[in-house]
Amino acid sequence: MIVFIKFGGSVITDKQQQERADIDTIRRLAEELRQALDAARDLRVVVGHGSGSFGHVYAQKYGIHRGLAPDDDWMGFALTSGAALRLNRIVVDELLAAGIPALALQPSTTLLARGGRLVHWETGALERALERRMVPVIHGDVAFDDVQGSAIISTEQLLAHLATLPALRPARIVLVGEAGVYTADPRINPQAERIARIDPRNIADVLAGAGGSHGVDVTGGMRSKVELMWQLVQTVPGLQVYLIGPKPGLLERALRGDDTVEGTVIAGR
């Protein structure tokens, strides 16, 4: 069984403080993942993570997501990539310290975008790593773009691409970030209620109420995540997507397929 996990940038970094990783949270999530792998020997996992206050800050400053012309200054492109790699090194090192055979794989070396959308990614090394029971670790990254010069490809876009490949189709995708999807922004509206399940009966209402993100984020916020994951569960039969917060124990429960876990489950039917 294959499961994809994303550690959200807002969870593993302080998005209001440039390049500040939350080591304690990363370490705890690594431990929960190790426990799940120990308990289910057939479980194979791909870990992705956001860039949080590392890559997003540079991407916003230099407009990488809006595109660069060939004769522009591409220093910002390089700085964004470098920042994402620094956070990736922190995540991978914590996974290794927890006894997980994590392998860092930098997406941008083989990514190609067109108009801000991912159109090509060489995933052979990732597939081989999974076959050998390793845990590939990827991250949202910069990409060269045939139309606009440069782009940012989010972790969700990368995981969605992998999910459509026959050899990598996951049973679940677990997004560790916001504590689910709500009827309104719970930071602003104390009457906001968590939506336990998103399916064909309520998807239109959910998308109408979904907002953006907090802190610096050039990948679209909550609405774009829900839209992308909804499209994906329509495409991949049987796939369920879990949106959970970083509360201790939730990741391990989601990896077990406990659909009563505190959060939001997106299902195609």
C-alpha atoms as a PDB file:
ATOM      1  CA  MET A   1       0.000   0.000   0.000  1.00  0.00           C
ATOM      2  CA  ILE A   2       1.296   3.428  -0.957  1.00  0.00           C
ATOM      3  CA  VAL A   3       0.507   6.593   0.995  1.00  0.00           C
ATOM      4  CA  PHE A   4       1.635  10.136   0.226  1.00  0.00           C
ATOM      5  CA  ILE A   5       2.220  12.591   3.073  1.00  0.00           C
ATOM      6  CA  LYS A   6       2.714  16.329   2.957  1.00  0.00           C
ATOM      7  CA  PHE A   7       4.159  18.250   5.876  1.00  0.00           C
ATOM      8  CA  GLY A   8       2.749  21.724   5.344  1.00  0.00           C
ATOM      9  CA  GLY A   9       5.098  24.674   5.368  1.00  0.00           C
ATOM     10  CA  SER A  10       2.982  26.374   8.024  1.00  0.00           C
ATOM     11  CA  VAL A  11       3.439  23.326  10.264  1.00  0.00           C
ATOM     12  CA  ILE A  12       7.169  22.728   9.971  1.00  0.00           C
ATOM     13  CA  THR A  13       8.202  26.409   9.875  1.00  0.00           C
ATOM     14  CA  ASP A  14       7.137  29.692  11.384  1.00  0.00           C
ATOM     15  CA  LYS A  15       5.824  31.412   8.246  1.00  0.00           C
ATOM     16  CA  GLN A  16       6.100  34.807   9.928  1.00  0.00           C
ATOM     17  CA  GLN A  17       9.840  34.342  10.662  1.00  0.00           C
ATOM     18  CA  GLN A  18      12.184  33.897   7.705  1.00  0.00           C
ATOM     19  CA  GLU A  19      13.893  30.478   7.586  1.00  0.00           C
ATOM     20  CA  ARG A  20      12.844  29.314  11.023  1.00  0.00           C
ATOM     21  CA  ALA A  21      12.124  25.581  11.131  1.00  0.00           C
ATOM     22  CA  ASP A  22       9.998  24.009  13.871  1.00  0.00           C
ATOM     23  CA  ILE A  23      12.391  21.206  14.746  1.00  0.00           C
ATOM     24  CA  ASP A  24      10.247  19.810  17.563  1.00  0.00           C
ATOM     25  CA  THR A  25       7.247  19.351  15.267  1.00  0.00           C
ATOM     26  CA  ILE A  26       9.327  17.841  12.457  1.00  0.00           C
ATOM     27  CA  ARG A  27      10.884  15.426  14.932  1.00  0.00           C
ATOM     28  CA  ARG A  28       7.507  14.362  16.339  1.00  0.00           C
ATOM     29  CA  LEU A  29       6.018  13.817  12.877  1.00  0.00           C
ATOM     30  CA  ALA A  30       9.070  11.737  11.947  1.00  0.00           C
ATOM     31  CA  GLU A  31       8.542   9.582  15.023  1.00  0.00           C
ATOM     32  CA  GLU A  32       4.854   9.051  14.213  1.00  0.00           C
ATOM     33  CA  LEU A  33       5.774   8.041  10.675  1.00  0.00           C
ATOM     34  CA  ARG A  34       8.376   5.581  11.942  1.00  0.00           C
ATOM     35  CA  GLN A  35       5.816   3.997  14.271  1.00  0.00           C
ATOM     36  CA  ALA A  36       3.364   3.611  11.374  1.00  0.00           C
ATOM     37  CA  LEU A  37       6.031   2.032   9.167  1.00  0.00           C
ATOM     38  CA  ASP A  38       6.976  -0.391  11.953  1.00  0.00           C
ATOM     39  CA  ALA A  39       3.327  -1.385  12.451  1.00  0.00           C
ATOM     40  CA  ALA A  40       2.505  -1.933   8.751  1.00  0.00           C
ATOM     41  CA  ARG A  41       5.296  -3.708   6.916  1.00  0.00           C
ATOM     42  CA  ASP A  42       3.536  -3.339   3.558  1.00  0.00           C
ATOM     43  CA  LEU A  43       3.288   0.450   3.893  1.00  0.00           C
ATOM     44  CA  ARG A  44       5.297   2.458   1.386  1.00  0.00           C
ATOM     45  CA  VAL A  45       5.444   6.226   1.771  1.00  0.00           C
ATOM     46  CA  VAL A  46       6.388   9.289  -0.219  1.00  0.00           C
ATOM     47  CA  VAL A  47       6.943  12.382   1.934  1.00  0.00           C
ATOM     48  CA  GLY A  48       6.568  15.862   0.514  1.00  0.00           C
ATOM     49  CA  HIS A  49       6.847  19.137   2.348  1.00  0.00           C
ATOM     50  CA  GLY A  50       6.123  22.788   1.744  1.00  0.00           C
ATOM     51  CA  SER A  51       8.738  25.533   1.820  1.00  0.00           C
ATOM     52  CA  GLY A  52       7.083  27.695   4.458  1.00  0.00           C
ATOM     53  CA  SER A  53       9.223  30.628   5.524  1.00  0.00           C
ATOM     54  CA  PHE A  54      12.161  29.271   3.532  1.00  0.00           C
ATOM     55  CA  GLY A  55      11.328  29.180  -0.200  1.00  0.00           C
ATOM     56  CA  HIS A  56       8.090  31.188  -0.196  1.00  0.00           C
ATOM     57  CA  VAL A  57       9.773  34.344   1.059  1.00  0.00           C
ATOM     58  CA  TYR A  58      12.242  34.455  -1.838  1.00  0.00           C
ATOM     59  CA  ALA A  59       9.632  33.380  -4.393  1.00  0.00           C
ATOM     60  CA  GLN A  60       7.361  36.236  -3.333  1.00  0.00           C
ATOM     61  CA  LYS A  61      10.177  38.791  -3.256  1.00  0.00           C
ATOM     62  CA  TYR A  62      11.456  37.975  -6.749  1.00  0.00           C
ATOM     63  CA  GLY A  63       8.127  37.038  -8.370  1.00  0.00           C
ATOM     64  CA  ILE A  64       9.246  33.569  -9.409  1.00  0.00           C
ATOM     65  CA  HIS A  65       5.656  32.316  -9.542  1.00  0.00           C
ATOM     66  CA  ARG A  66       4.672  35.135 -11.924  1.00  0.00           C
ATOM     67  CA  GLY A  67       7.456  34.323 -14.368  1.00  0.00           C
ATOM     68  CA  LEU A  68      10.864  35.581 -15.449  1.00  0.00           C
ATOM     69  CA  ALA A  69      12.109  36.552 -18.906  1.00  0.00           C
ATOM     70  CA  PRO A  70      15.361  34.988 -20.195  1.00  0.00           C
ATOM     71  CA  ASP A  71      17.253  38.283 -19.760  1.00  0.00           C
ATOM     72  CA  ASP A  72      15.916  38.960 -16.242  1.00  0.00           C
ATOM     73  CA  ASP A  73      18.068  38.556 -13.152  1.00  0.00           C
ATOM     74  CA  TRP A  74      17.641  34.883 -12.186  1.00  0.00           C
ATOM     75  CA  MET A  75      19.330  35.220  -8.808  1.00  0.00           C
ATOM     76  CA  GLY A  76      15.924  35.004  -7.101  1.00  0.00           C
ATOM     77  CA  PHE A  77      15.242  31.685  -8.838  1.00  0.00           C
ATOM     78  CA  ALA A  78      18.486  30.301  -7.426  1.00  0.00           C
ATOM     79  CA  LEU A  79      17.842  31.740  -3.949  1.00  0.00           C
ATOM     80  CA  THR A  80      14.357  30.202  -3.843  1.00  0.00           C
ATOM     81  CA  SER A  81      15.739  26.807  -4.817  1.00  0.00           C
ATOM     82  CA  GLY A  82      18.519  27.059  -2.249  1.00  0.00           C
ATOM     83  CA  ALA A  83      16.123  27.946   0.552  1.00  0.00           C
ATOM     84  CA  ALA A  84      13.839  25.015  -0.274  1.00  0.00           C
ATOM     85  CA  LEU A  85      16.852  22.712  -0.198  1.00  0.00           C
ATOM     86  CA  ARG A  86      17.920  23.972   3.218  1.00  0.00           C
ATOM     87  CA  LEU A  87      14.548  23.044   4.690  1.00  0.00           C
ATOM     88  CA  ASN A  88      14.570  19.727   2.841  1.00  0.00           C
ATOM     89  CA  ARG A  89      17.916  18.886   4.461  1.00  0.00           C
ATOM     90  CA  ILE A  90      16.459  19.575   7.901  1.00  0.00           C
ATOM     91  CA  VAL A  91      13.427  17.351   7.245  1.00  0.00           C
ATOM     92  CA  VAL A  92      15.478  14.504   5.782  1.00  0.00           C
ATOM     93  CA  ASP A  93      17.985  14.611   8.644  1.00  0.00           C
ATOM     94  CA  GLU A  94      15.175  14.317  11.218  1.00  0.00           C
ATOM     95  CA  LEU A  95      13.637  11.393   9.333  1.00  0.00           C
ATOM     96  CA  LEU A  96      17.021   9.657   9.210  1.00  0.00           C
ATOM     97  CA  ALA A  97      17.521  10.278  12.930  1.00  0.00           C
ATOM     98  CA  ALA A  98      14.168   8.557  13.556  1.00  0.00           C
ATOM     99  CA  GLY A  99      15.394   5.450  11.738  1.00  0.00           C
ATOM    100  CA  ILE A 100      13.562   6.101   8.463  1.00  0.00           C
ATOM    101  CA  PRO A 101      15.533   5.446   5.222  1.00  0.00           C
ATOM    102  CA  ALA A 102      14.714   8.875   3.794  1.00  0.00           C
ATOM    103  CA  LEU A 103      16.139   9.911   0.426  1.00  0.00           C
ATOM    104  CA  ALA A 104      16.163  13.551  -0.645  1.00  0.00           C
ATOM    105  CA  LEU A 105      15.079  14.027  -4.276  1.00  0.00           C
ATOM    106  CA  GLN A 106      15.214  17.577  -5.653  1.00  0.00           C
ATOM    107  CA  PRO A 107      12.284  17.996  -8.079  1.00  0.00           C
ATOM    108  CA  SER A 108      13.566  21.046  -9.987  1.00  0.00           C
ATOM    109  CA  THR A 109      16.388  19.108 -11.638  1.00  0.00           C
ATOM    110  CA  THR A 110      13.859  17.436 -13.956  1.00  0.00           C
ATOM    111  CA  LEU A 111      10.712  19.577 -13.694  1.00  0.00           C
ATOM    112  CA  LEU A 112       9.231  21.378 -16.677  1.00  0.00           C
ATOM    113  CA  ALA A 113       6.201  23.666 -16.435  1.00  0.00           C
ATOM    114  CA  ARG A 114       3.996  25.362 -18.997  1.00  0.00           C
ATOM    115  CA  GLY A 115       1.990  28.386 -17.917  1.00  0.00           C
ATOM    116  CA  GLY A 116       2.565  27.547 -14.263  1.00  0.00           C
ATOM    117  CA  ARG A 117       1.400  23.948 -14.633  1.00  0.00           C
ATOM    118  CA  LEU A 118       3.578  20.875 -14.302  1.00  0.00           C
ATOM    119  CA  VAL A 119       3.974  19.073 -17.647  1.00  0.00           C
ATOM    120  CA  HIS A 120       7.025  16.848 -17.112  1.00  0.00           C
ATOM    121  CA  TRP A 121       8.906  15.286 -14.223  1.00  0.00           C
ATOM    122  CA  GLU A 122      11.355  12.404 -14.374  1.00  0.00           C
ATOM    123  CA  THR A 123      10.348  10.107 -11.502  1.00  0.00           C
ATOM    124  CA  GLY A 124      12.407   6.991 -12.198  1.00  0.00           C
ATOM    125  CA  ALA A 125      14.657   7.442  -9.159  1.00  0.00           C
ATOM    126  CA  LEU A 126      11.644   7.981  -6.907  1.00  0.00           C
ATOM    127  CA  GLU A 127       9.999   4.787  -8.150  1.00  0.00           C
ATOM    128  CA  ARG A 128      13.194   2.789  -7.610  1.00  0.00           C
ATOM    129  CA  ALA A 129      13.565   4.180  -4.100  1.00  0.00           C
ATOM    130  CA  LEU A 130      10.037   3.021  -3.216  1.00  0.00           C
ATOM    131  CA  GLU A 131      10.728  -0.430  -4.652  1.00  0.00           C
ATOM    132  CA  ARG A 132      13.659  -0.666  -2.236  1.00  0.00           C
ATOM    133  CA  ARG A 133      11.480   0.363   0.719  1.00  0.00           C
ATOM    134  CA  MET A 134      13.116   3.748   1.023  1.00  0.00           C
ATOM    135  CA  VAL A 135      11.130   6.928   1.722  1.00  0.00           C
ATOM    136  CA  PRO A 136      11.585   9.527  -1.039  1.00  0.00           C
ATOM    137  CA  VAL A 137      11.381  13.098   0.275  1.00  0.00           C
ATOM    138  CA  ILE A 138      10.359  15.796  -2.201  1.00  0.00           C
ATOM    139  CA  HIS A 139       9.316  19.425  -1.810  1.00  0.00           C
ATOM    140  CA  GLY A 140       7.598  22.293  -3.582  1.00  0.00           C
ATOM    141  CA  ASP A 141      10.182  23.743  -5.931  1.00  0.00           C
ATOM    142  CA  VAL A 142      11.090  26.148  -8.701  1.00  0.00           C
ATOM    143  CA  ALA A 143      10.712  25.022 -12.307  1.00  0.00           C
ATOM    144  CA  PHE A 144      11.643  26.287 -15.732  1.00  0.00           C
ATOM    145  CA  ASP A 145       8.506  27.198 -17.654  1.00  0.00           C
ATOM    146  CA  ASP A 146       8.128  27.103 -21.459  1.00  0.00           C
ATOM    147  CA  VAL A 147       5.592  29.943 -21.432  1.00  0.00           C
ATOM    148  CA  GLN A 148       6.418  32.313 -18.578  1.00  0.00           C
ATOM    149  CA  GLY A 149      10.052  31.447 -17.960  1.00  0.00           C
ATOM    150  CA  SER A 150       9.787  30.360 -14.325  1.00  0.00           C
ATOM    151  CA  ALA A 151       7.167  28.840 -12.057  1.00  0.00           C
ATOM    152  CA  ILE A 152       6.644  27.437  -8.588  1.00  0.00           C
ATOM    153  CA  ILE A 153       5.296  23.891  -8.516  1.00  0.00           C
ATOM    154  CA  SER A 154       3.603  23.190  -5.197  1.00  0.00           C
ATOM    155  CA  THR A 155       4.000  19.976  -3.241  1.00  0.00           C
ATOM    156  CA  GLU A 156       0.328  19.227  -3.915  1.00  0.00           C
ATOM    157  CA  GLN A 157       0.928  19.482  -7.672  1.00  0.00           C
ATOM    158  CA  LEU A 158       3.858  17.090  -7.375  1.00  0.00           C
ATOM    159  CA  LEU A 159       1.879  14.567  -5.323  1.00  0.00           C
ATOM    160  CA  ALA A 160      -1.089  14.847  -7.693  1.00  0.00           C
ATOM    161  CA  HIS A 161       1.206  14.083 -10.624  1.00  0.00           C
ATOM    162  CA  LEU A 162       2.638  11.027  -8.868  1.00  0.00           C
ATOM    163  CA  ALA A 163      -0.837   9.789  -7.969  1.00  0.00           C
ATOM    164  CA  THR A 164      -1.802   9.471 -11.639  1.00  0.00           C
ATOM    165  CA  LEU A 165       1.158   7.206 -12.458  1.00  0.00           C
ATOM    166  CA  PRO A 166       0.040   3.546 -12.524  1.00  0.00           C
ATOM    167  CA  ALA A 167       3.027   2.313 -10.486  1.00  0.00           C
ATOM    168  CA  LEU A 168       2.553   4.929  -7.761  1.00  0.00           C
ATOM    169  CA  ARG A 169      -1.184   5.258  -7.234  1.00  0.00           C
ATOM    170  CA  PRO A 170      -1.744   5.835  -3.512  1.00  0.00           C
ATOM    171  CA  ALA A 171      -4.548   4.597  -1.309  1.00  0.00           C
ATOM    172  CA  ARG A 172      -4.416   7.826   0.678  1.00  0.00           C
ATOM    173  CA  ILE A 173      -2.871  11.272   0.663  1.00  0.00           C
ATOM    174  CA  VAL A 174      -2.399  12.872   4.078  1.00  0.00           C
ATOM    175  CA  LEU A 175      -1.935  16.647   4.154  1.00  0.00           C
ATOM    176  CA  VAL A 176      -0.658  17.821   7.535  1.00  0.00           C
ATOM    177  CA  GLY A 177      -1.407  21.518   7.776  1.00  0.00           C
ATOM    178  CA  GLU A 178      -4.630  23.285   8.647  1.00  0.00           C
ATOM    179  CA  ALA A 179      -6.797  21.231  11.009  1.00  0.00           C
ATOM    180  CA  GLY A 180      -9.282  20.490   8.246  1.00  0.00           C
ATOM    181  CA  VAL A 181     -11.564  22.604   6.084  1.00  0.00           C
ATOM    182  CA  TYR A 182     -14.046  24.906   7.812  1.00  0.00           C
ATOM    183  CA  THR A 183     -17.262  26.662   6.899  1.00  0.00           C
ATOM    184  CA  ALA A 184     -15.420  29.959   7.503  1.00  0.00           C
ATOM    185  CA  ASP A 185     -11.990  31.061   8.669  1.00  0.00           C
ATOM    186  CA  PRO A 186     -11.847  29.846  12.310  1.00  0.00           C
ATOM    187  CA  ARG A 187      -9.198  32.479  13.092  1.00  0.00           C
ATOM    188  CA  ILE A 188     -11.729  35.196  12.321  1.00  0.00           C
ATOM    189  CA  ASN A 189     -15.117  33.596  12.894  1.00  0.00           C
ATOM    190  CA  PRO A 190     -15.535  31.665  16.175  1.00  0.00           C
ATOM    191  CA  GLN A 191     -18.729  30.134  14.767  1.00  0.00           C
ATOM    192  CA  ALA A 192     -16.829  28.349  11.988  1.00  0.00           C
ATOM    193  CA  GLU A 193     -17.406  24.599  11.938  1.00  0.00           C
ATOM    194  CA  ARG A 194     -15.069  21.923  10.688  1.00  0.00           C
ATOM    195  CA  ILE A 195     -16.334  19.986   7.668  1.00  0.00           C
ATOM    196  CA  ALA A 196     -15.682  16.325   8.434  1.00  0.00           C
ATOM    197  CA  ARG A 197     -16.157  15.054   4.887  1.00  0.00           C
ATOM    198  CA  ILE A 198     -16.140  16.585   1.408  1.00  0.00           C
ATOM    199  CA  ASP A 199     -17.887  14.615  -1.320  1.00  0.00           C
ATOM    200  CA  PRO A 200     -20.198  15.289  -4.294  1.00  0.00           C
ATOM    201  CA  ARG A 201     -22.989  16.449  -1.979  1.00  0.00           C
ATOM    202  CA  ASN A 202     -21.174  19.478  -0.589  1.00  0.00           C
ATOM    203  CA  ILE A 203     -18.127  20.227  -2.765  1.00  0.00           C
ATOM    204  CA  ALA A 204     -19.715  23.283  -4.422  1.00  0.00           C
ATOM    205  CA  ASP A 205     -20.528  24.899  -1.065  1.00  0.00           C
ATOM    206  CA  VAL A 206     -17.076  24.071   0.304  1.00  0.00           C
ATOM    207  CA  LEU A 207     -15.267  25.692  -2.616  1.00  0.00           C
ATOM    208  CA  ALA A 208     -17.462  28.775  -2.354  1.00  0.00           C
ATOM    209  CA  GLY A 209     -16.381  29.243   1.255  1.00  0.00           C
ATOM    210  CA  ALA A 210     -12.727  28.224   1.045  1.00  0.00           C
ATOM    211  CA  GLY A 211     -10.249  31.065   1.499  1.00  0.00           C
ATOM    212  CA  GLY A 212      -6.535  31.683   1.067  1.00  0.00           C
ATOM    213  CA  SER A 213      -3.671  31.001   3.442  1.00  0.00           C
ATOM    214  CA  HIS A 214      -1.999  32.803   6.319  1.00  0.00           C
ATOM    215  CA  GLY A 215       1.546  34.076   6.021  1.00  0.00           C
ATOM    216  CA  VAL A 216       3.536  34.182   2.790  1.00  0.00           C
ATOM    217  CA  ASP A 217       2.324  31.576   0.289  1.00  0.00           C
ATOM    218  CA  VAL A 218       2.706  31.758  -3.492  1.00  0.00           C
ATOM    219  CA  THR A 219       0.925  28.464  -4.205  1.00  0.00           C
ATOM    220  CA  GLY A 220      -2.684  29.531  -3.764  1.00  0.00           C
ATOM    221  CA  GLY A 221      -3.818  28.711  -0.245  1.00  0.00           C
ATOM    222  CA  MET A 222      -6.625  26.432   0.944  1.00  0.00           C
ATOM    223  CA  ARG A 223      -9.005  26.840  -1.987  1.00  0.00           C
ATOM    224  CA  SER A 224      -6.428  25.743  -4.564  1.00  0.00           C
ATOM    225  CA  LYS A 225      -5.493  22.754  -2.395  1.00  0.00           C
ATOM    226  CA  VAL A 226      -9.105  21.616  -2.061  1.00  0.00           C
ATOM    227  CA  GLU A 227      -9.753  22.092  -5.789  1.00  0.00           C
ATOM    228  CA  LEU A 228      -6.672  20.115  -6.766  1.00  0.00           C
ATOM    229  CA  MET A 229      -7.381  17.289  -4.339  1.00  0.00           C
ATOM    230  CA  TRP A 230     -11.031  17.148  -5.408  1.00  0.00           C
ATOM    231  CA  GLN A 231      -9.990  16.781  -9.050  1.00  0.00           C
ATOM    232  CA  LEU A 232      -7.579  14.055  -8.007  1.00  0.00           C
ATOM    233  CA  VAL A 233     -10.097  11.905  -6.125  1.00  0.00           C
ATOM    234  CA  GLN A 234     -12.271  12.017  -9.238  1.00  0.00           C
ATOM    235  CA  THR A 235      -9.362  10.671 -11.282  1.00  0.00           C
ATOM    236  CA  VAL A 236      -7.857   8.011  -9.001  1.00  0.00           C
ATOM    237  CA  PRO A 237     -10.394   5.306  -8.035  1.00  0.00           C
ATOM    238  CA  GLY A 238     -10.738   4.745  -4.299  1.00  0.00           C
ATOM    239  CA  LEU A 239      -8.376   7.547  -3.302  1.00  0.00           C
ATOM    240  CA  GLN A 240      -9.092   9.443  -0.089  1.00  0.00           C
ATOM    241  CA  VAL A 241      -7.384  12.652   0.976  1.00  0.00           C
ATOM    242  CA  TYR A 242      -7.011  13.509   4.667  1.00  0.00           C
ATOM    243  CA  LEU A 243      -6.492  17.120   5.749  1.00  0.00           C
ATOM    244  CA  ILE A 244      -5.342  17.147   9.353  1.00  0.00           C
ATOM    245  CA  GLY A 245      -3.565  19.427  11.785  1.00  0.00           C
ATOM    246  CA  PRO A 246      -0.275  18.706  13.556  1.00  0.00           C
ATOM    247  CA  LYS A 247      -1.918  17.565  16.791  1.00  0.00           C
ATOM    248  CA  PRO A 248       0.003  14.592  18.254  1.00  0.00           C
ATOM    249  CA  GLY A 249      -1.280  11.217  17.097  1.00  0.00           C
ATOM    250  CA  LEU A 250      -3.315  12.412  14.106  1.00  0.00           C
ATOM    251  CA  LEU A 251      -0.729  11.498  11.477  1.00  0.00           C
ATOM    252  CA  GLU A 252      -0.404   7.941  12.709  1.00  0.00           C
ATOM    253  CA  ARG A 253      -4.202   7.508  12.772  1.00  0.00           C
ATOM    254  CA  ALA A 254      -4.559   8.922   9.256  1.00  0.00           C
ATOM    255  CA  LEU A 255      -1.855   6.581   7.984  1.00  0.00           C
ATOM    256  CA  ARG A 256      -3.922   3.692   9.370  1.00  0.00           C
ATOM    257  CA  GLY A 257      -6.932   4.920   7.375  1.00  0.00           C
ATOM    258  CA  ASP A 258      -8.982   6.008  10.390  1.00  0.00           C
ATOM    259  CA  ASP A 259     -11.585   8.210   8.706  1.00  0.00           C
ATOM    260  CA  THR A 260     -12.917   9.368  12.070  1.00  0.00           C
ATOM    261  CA  VAL A 261      -9.661  11.242  12.676  1.00  0.00           C
ATOM    262  CA  GLU A 262     -10.100  14.905  13.566  1.00  0.00           C
ATOM    263  CA  GLY A 263      -9.808  16.736  10.273  1.00  0.00           C
ATOM    264  CA  THR A 264     -11.455  16.607   6.842  1.00  0.00           C
ATOM    265  CA  VAL A 265     -11.644  13.657   4.469  1.00  0.00           C
ATOM    266  CA  ILE A 266     -12.085  14.306   0.741  1.00  0.00           C
ATOM    267  CA  ALA A 267     -13.645  11.391  -1.119  1.00  0.00           C
ATOM    268  CA  GLY A 268     -15.025  11.072  -4.623  1.00  0.00           C
ATOM    269  CA  ARG A 269     -18.142   9.241  -3.550  1.00  0.00           C
END
